[in-house]
């Protein structure tokens, strides 16, 4: 069951104006919180998108714009992935050679 979080913060009068809008500030805070949860491995990209009221594709674009990696590999996992890609490349080259390309 979802849990409702409420956040209250007393800020100085006059903090927000036309150049520094409250709505944009609050949206930015929410995005930062969701990105932190994603980076900590607490939520998936789909959950992050839902929390921000956007599509998963838009969430992935947000990750990109904010410089947040989508994949988090350990050094061992990264080596395994790299080896798999290299093997696939070798197999594709052999297939191309066998076809006379």
N, C-alpha and C. Protein backbone atom coordinates (compact mmCIF):
# COMPACT_ATOMS: atom_id res chain seq x y z
N UNK A 1 0.84 -1.18 0.00
CA UNK A 1 0.00 0.00 0.00
C UNK A 1 0.89 1.25 0.00
N UNK A 2 0.59 2.21 -0.85
CA UNK A 2 1.41 3.43 -0.91
C UNK A 2 1.36 4.21 0.41
N UNK A 3 2.40 4.92 0.64
CA UNK A 3 2.50 5.73 1.84
C UNK A 3 2.57 7.19 1.44
N UNK A 4 1.79 8.04 2.06
CA UNK A 4 1.77 9.46 1.76
C UNK A 4 2.77 10.17 2.65
N UNK A 5 3.69 10.89 2.02
CA UNK A 5 4.65 11.70 2.76
C UNK A 5 4.27 13.17 2.62
N UNK A 6 4.34 13.88 3.70
CA UNK A 6 4.08 15.32 3.68
C UNK A 6 5.36 16.03 4.12
N UNK A 7 5.58 17.18 3.53
CA UNK A 7 6.79 17.92 3.80
C UNK A 7 6.41 19.38 4.02
N UNK A 8 6.80 19.92 5.14
CA UNK A 8 6.55 21.32 5.43
C UNK A 8 7.88 22.00 5.69
N UNK A 9 7.96 23.24 5.22
CA UNK A 9 9.21 23.97 5.36
C UNK A 9 8.89 25.45 5.41
N UNK A 10 9.27 26.10 6.47
CA UNK A 10 9.06 27.54 6.58
C UNK A 10 10.19 28.25 5.85
N UNK A 11 9.82 29.01 4.82
CA UNK A 11 10.82 29.76 4.05
C UNK A 11 10.50 31.24 4.18
N UNK A 12 11.50 32.07 3.95
CA UNK A 12 11.28 33.51 4.09
C UNK A 12 10.25 34.04 3.08
N UNK A 13 9.48 35.03 3.51
CA UNK A 13 8.57 35.71 2.59
C UNK A 13 9.40 36.33 1.46
N UNK A 14 8.82 36.36 0.29
CA UNK A 14 9.49 36.97 -0.85
C UNK A 14 10.54 36.11 -1.51
N UNK A 15 10.67 34.86 -1.05
CA UNK A 15 11.68 33.96 -1.64
C UNK A 15 11.36 33.66 -3.10
N UNK A 16 10.10 33.51 -3.40
CA UNK A 16 9.70 33.15 -4.76
C UNK A 16 9.14 34.38 -5.48
N UNK A 17 9.41 34.44 -6.78
CA UNK A 17 8.88 35.50 -7.63
C UNK A 17 8.75 34.97 -9.05
N UNK A 18 8.58 35.83 -10.02
CA UNK A 18 8.40 35.39 -11.41
C UNK A 18 9.65 34.70 -11.96
N UNK A 19 10.83 35.10 -11.52
CA UNK A 19 12.06 34.48 -12.00
C UNK A 19 12.39 33.19 -11.24
N UNK A 20 11.90 33.07 -10.03
CA UNK A 20 12.16 31.88 -9.19
C UNK A 20 10.82 31.42 -8.65
N UNK A 21 10.17 30.60 -9.47
CA UNK A 21 8.78 30.20 -9.18
C UNK A 21 8.72 29.03 -8.20
N UNK A 22 7.77 29.11 -7.30
CA UNK A 22 7.59 28.09 -6.28
C UNK A 22 7.29 26.73 -6.90
N UNK A 23 6.42 26.68 -7.92
CA UNK A 23 6.04 25.41 -8.54
C UNK A 23 7.26 24.71 -9.15
N UNK A 24 8.11 25.48 -9.81
CA UNK A 24 9.31 24.89 -10.42
C UNK A 24 10.28 24.40 -9.35
N UNK A 25 10.40 25.17 -8.28
CA UNK A 25 11.26 24.77 -7.18
C UNK A 25 10.79 23.46 -6.55
N UNK A 26 9.47 23.36 -6.30
CA UNK A 26 8.93 22.14 -5.70
C UNK A 26 9.08 20.94 -6.63
N UNK A 27 8.88 21.14 -7.93
CA UNK A 27 9.07 20.06 -8.89
C UNK A 27 10.53 19.60 -8.89
N UNK A 28 11.46 20.56 -8.82
CA UNK A 28 12.88 20.22 -8.77
C UNK A 28 13.23 19.41 -7.53
N UNK A 29 12.65 19.79 -6.38
CA UNK A 29 12.88 19.02 -5.15
C UNK A 29 12.38 17.59 -5.28
N UNK A 30 11.20 17.46 -5.87
CA UNK A 30 10.61 16.13 -6.04
C UNK A 30 11.49 15.29 -6.97
N UNK A 31 11.95 15.90 -8.07
CA UNK A 31 12.82 15.17 -9.00
C UNK A 31 14.10 14.73 -8.31
N UNK A 32 14.70 15.63 -7.53
CA UNK A 32 15.94 15.27 -6.82
C UNK A 32 15.72 14.10 -5.87
N UNK A 33 14.60 14.12 -5.17
CA UNK A 33 14.30 13.03 -4.22
C UNK A 33 14.14 11.71 -4.96
N UNK A 34 13.40 11.72 -6.07
CA UNK A 34 13.17 10.49 -6.83
C UNK A 34 14.49 9.99 -7.43
N UNK A 35 15.32 10.90 -7.94
CA UNK A 35 16.60 10.48 -8.49
C UNK A 35 17.49 9.87 -7.42
N UNK A 36 17.46 10.42 -6.22
CA UNK A 36 18.24 9.83 -5.12
C UNK A 36 17.75 8.43 -4.79
N UNK A 37 16.43 8.24 -4.77
CA UNK A 37 15.88 6.92 -4.51
C UNK A 37 16.29 5.93 -5.60
N UNK A 38 16.28 6.39 -6.85
CA UNK A 38 16.68 5.54 -7.97
C UNK A 38 18.16 5.18 -7.86
N UNK A 39 19.01 6.18 -7.59
CA UNK A 39 20.44 5.93 -7.48
C UNK A 39 20.77 4.99 -6.33
N UNK A 40 19.98 5.04 -5.28
CA UNK A 40 20.21 4.17 -4.12
C UNK A 40 19.67 2.77 -4.37
N UNK A 41 19.03 2.56 -5.51
CA UNK A 41 18.50 1.25 -5.82
C UNK A 41 17.20 0.94 -5.08
N UNK A 42 16.54 1.96 -4.57
CA UNK A 42 15.32 1.76 -3.80
C UNK A 42 14.08 1.67 -4.68
N UNK A 43 14.14 2.25 -5.90
CA UNK A 43 13.02 2.22 -6.83
C UNK A 43 13.52 1.90 -8.24
N UNK A 44 12.64 1.42 -9.08
CA UNK A 44 12.95 1.15 -10.48
C UNK A 44 12.69 2.41 -11.31
N UNK A 45 13.11 2.36 -12.55
CA UNK A 45 12.84 3.50 -13.44
C UNK A 45 11.33 3.66 -13.66
N UNK A 46 10.61 2.56 -13.71
CA UNK A 46 9.16 2.64 -13.86
C UNK A 46 8.51 3.29 -12.64
N UNK A 47 8.97 2.93 -11.46
CA UNK A 47 8.44 3.55 -10.24
C UNK A 47 8.79 5.03 -10.18
N UNK A 48 10.01 5.36 -10.57
CA UNK A 48 10.42 6.76 -10.59
C UNK A 48 9.56 7.59 -11.52
N UNK A 49 9.29 7.03 -12.69
CA UNK A 49 8.43 7.72 -13.66
C UNK A 49 7.04 7.95 -13.07
N UNK A 50 6.51 6.91 -12.43
CA UNK A 50 5.17 7.02 -11.85
C UNK A 50 5.13 8.07 -10.75
N UNK A 51 6.15 8.09 -9.89
CA UNK A 51 6.20 9.07 -8.81
C UNK A 51 6.24 10.50 -9.34
N UNK A 52 6.86 10.69 -10.50
CA UNK A 52 6.95 12.03 -11.08
C UNK A 52 5.84 12.32 -12.07
N UNK A 53 4.96 11.35 -12.30
CA UNK A 53 3.84 11.58 -13.21
C UNK A 53 4.27 11.73 -14.66
N UNK A 54 5.25 10.91 -15.06
CA UNK A 54 5.75 10.98 -16.43
C UNK A 54 5.90 9.58 -17.00
N UNK A 55 6.17 9.50 -18.28
CA UNK A 55 6.39 8.20 -18.90
C UNK A 55 7.78 7.69 -18.51
N UNK A 56 7.97 6.41 -18.68
CA UNK A 56 9.29 5.83 -18.39
C UNK A 56 10.34 6.42 -19.31
N UNK A 57 9.97 6.63 -20.57
CA UNK A 57 10.91 7.24 -21.51
C UNK A 57 11.33 8.64 -21.04
N UNK A 58 10.36 9.42 -20.58
CA UNK A 58 10.69 10.76 -20.06
C UNK A 58 11.59 10.66 -18.83
N UNK A 59 11.35 9.64 -18.00
CA UNK A 59 12.21 9.46 -16.83
C UNK A 59 13.63 9.13 -17.26
N UNK A 60 13.78 8.27 -18.27
CA UNK A 60 15.12 7.93 -18.75
C UNK A 60 15.81 9.16 -19.34
N UNK A 61 15.05 10.02 -19.99
CA UNK A 61 15.62 11.27 -20.50
C UNK A 61 16.05 12.18 -19.35
N UNK A 62 15.26 12.19 -18.27
CA UNK A 62 15.63 12.97 -17.09
C UNK A 62 16.94 12.44 -16.51
N UNK A 63 17.07 11.13 -16.41
CA UNK A 63 18.32 10.54 -15.93
C UNK A 63 19.49 11.03 -16.78
N UNK A 64 19.32 11.00 -18.09
CA UNK A 64 20.37 11.43 -19.00
C UNK A 64 20.72 12.90 -18.79
N UNK A 65 19.70 13.74 -18.73
CA UNK A 65 19.94 15.18 -18.55
C UNK A 65 20.64 15.48 -17.25
N UNK A 66 20.34 14.72 -16.22
CA UNK A 66 20.93 14.95 -14.90
C UNK A 66 22.24 14.19 -14.70
N UNK A 67 22.65 13.42 -15.70
CA UNK A 67 23.91 12.69 -15.60
C UNK A 67 23.86 11.51 -14.64
N UNK A 68 22.67 10.94 -14.48
CA UNK A 68 22.50 9.79 -13.58
C UNK A 68 22.57 8.52 -14.42
N UNK A 69 23.51 7.63 -14.12
CA UNK A 69 23.62 6.40 -14.91
C UNK A 69 22.41 5.49 -14.71
N UNK A 70 21.98 4.91 -15.81
CA UNK A 70 20.86 3.97 -15.75
C UNK A 70 21.32 2.62 -15.24
N UNK A 71 22.48 2.19 -15.71
CA UNK A 71 23.05 0.90 -15.29
C UNK A 71 24.12 1.15 -14.25
N UNK A 72 24.16 0.28 -13.28
CA UNK A 72 25.20 0.36 -12.25
C UNK A 72 25.87 -1.00 -12.18
N UNK A 73 27.01 -1.09 -12.82
CA UNK A 73 27.75 -2.35 -12.84
C UNK A 73 28.87 -2.33 -11.82
N UNK A 74 29.10 -3.48 -11.20
CA UNK A 74 30.32 -3.64 -10.43
C UNK A 74 31.43 -3.86 -11.45
N UNK A 75 32.69 -3.71 -11.07
CA UNK A 75 33.76 -3.96 -12.04
C UNK A 75 33.68 -5.36 -12.65
N UNK A 76 33.32 -6.36 -11.85
CA UNK A 76 33.20 -7.73 -12.37
C UNK A 76 32.05 -7.83 -13.37
N UNK A 77 30.90 -7.24 -13.05
CA UNK A 77 29.76 -7.27 -13.96
C UNK A 77 30.11 -6.55 -15.27
N UNK A 78 30.82 -5.44 -15.16
CA UNK A 78 31.20 -4.70 -16.37
C UNK A 78 32.12 -5.54 -17.25
N UNK A 79 33.09 -6.22 -16.65
CA UNK A 79 34.00 -7.09 -17.42
C UNK A 79 33.21 -8.19 -18.12
N UNK A 80 32.26 -8.79 -17.41
CA UNK A 80 31.44 -9.85 -18.01
C UNK A 80 30.63 -9.32 -19.19
N UNK A 81 30.05 -8.15 -19.04
CA UNK A 81 29.29 -7.56 -20.14
C UNK A 81 30.20 -7.25 -21.33
N UNK A 82 31.36 -6.71 -21.05
CA UNK A 82 32.31 -6.37 -22.11
C UNK A 82 32.75 -7.63 -22.84
N UNK A 83 33.03 -8.70 -22.11
CA UNK A 83 33.41 -9.96 -22.74
C UNK A 83 32.28 -10.50 -23.63
N UNK A 84 31.05 -10.40 -23.16
CA UNK A 84 29.91 -10.87 -23.95
C UNK A 84 29.77 -10.07 -25.23
N UNK A 85 29.97 -8.76 -25.15
CA UNK A 85 29.88 -7.91 -26.34
C UNK A 85 31.00 -8.25 -27.32
N UNK A 86 32.20 -8.46 -26.80
CA UNK A 86 33.33 -8.82 -27.66
C UNK A 86 33.09 -10.15 -28.35
N UNK A 87 32.56 -11.13 -27.63
CA UNK A 87 32.25 -12.43 -28.23
C UNK A 87 31.20 -12.29 -29.31
N UNK A 88 30.19 -11.50 -29.05
CA UNK A 88 29.15 -11.27 -30.05
C UNK A 88 29.74 -10.62 -31.29
N UNK A 89 30.61 -9.65 -31.10
CA UNK A 89 31.27 -9.00 -32.24
C UNK A 89 32.07 -9.98 -33.07
N UNK A 90 32.80 -10.85 -32.39
CA UNK A 90 33.59 -11.86 -33.10
C UNK A 90 32.68 -12.80 -33.89
N UNK A 91 31.58 -13.22 -33.29
CA UNK A 91 30.64 -14.10 -33.98
C UNK A 91 30.03 -13.42 -35.19
N UNK A 92 29.69 -12.17 -35.06
CA UNK A 92 29.11 -11.43 -36.19
C UNK A 92 30.13 -11.27 -37.31
N UNK A 93 31.39 -11.04 -36.96
CA UNK A 93 32.43 -10.93 -37.97
C UNK A 93 32.60 -12.25 -38.72
N UNK A 94 32.58 -13.37 -37.99
CA UNK A 94 32.70 -14.68 -38.62
C UNK A 94 31.55 -14.94 -39.57
N UNK A 95 30.35 -14.58 -39.16
CA UNK A 95 29.17 -14.76 -40.03
C UNK A 95 29.31 -13.93 -41.27
N UNK A 96 29.80 -12.72 -41.13
CA UNK A 96 30.00 -11.85 -42.29
C UNK A 96 31.04 -12.43 -43.22
N UNK A 97 32.13 -12.98 -42.68
CA UNK A 97 33.17 -13.61 -43.50
C UNK A 97 32.63 -14.82 -44.22
N UNK A 98 31.79 -15.60 -43.54
CA UNK A 98 31.23 -16.81 -44.14
C UNK A 98 30.30 -16.48 -45.29
N UNK A 99 29.71 -15.30 -45.27
CA UNK A 99 28.78 -14.89 -46.32
C UNK A 99 29.49 -14.15 -47.45
N UNK A 100 30.79 -13.98 -47.29
CA UNK A 100 31.55 -13.32 -48.35
C UNK A 100 31.47 -11.81 -48.29
N UNK A 101 31.16 -11.26 -47.13
CA UNK A 101 31.08 -9.80 -47.02
C UNK A 101 32.35 -9.25 -46.42
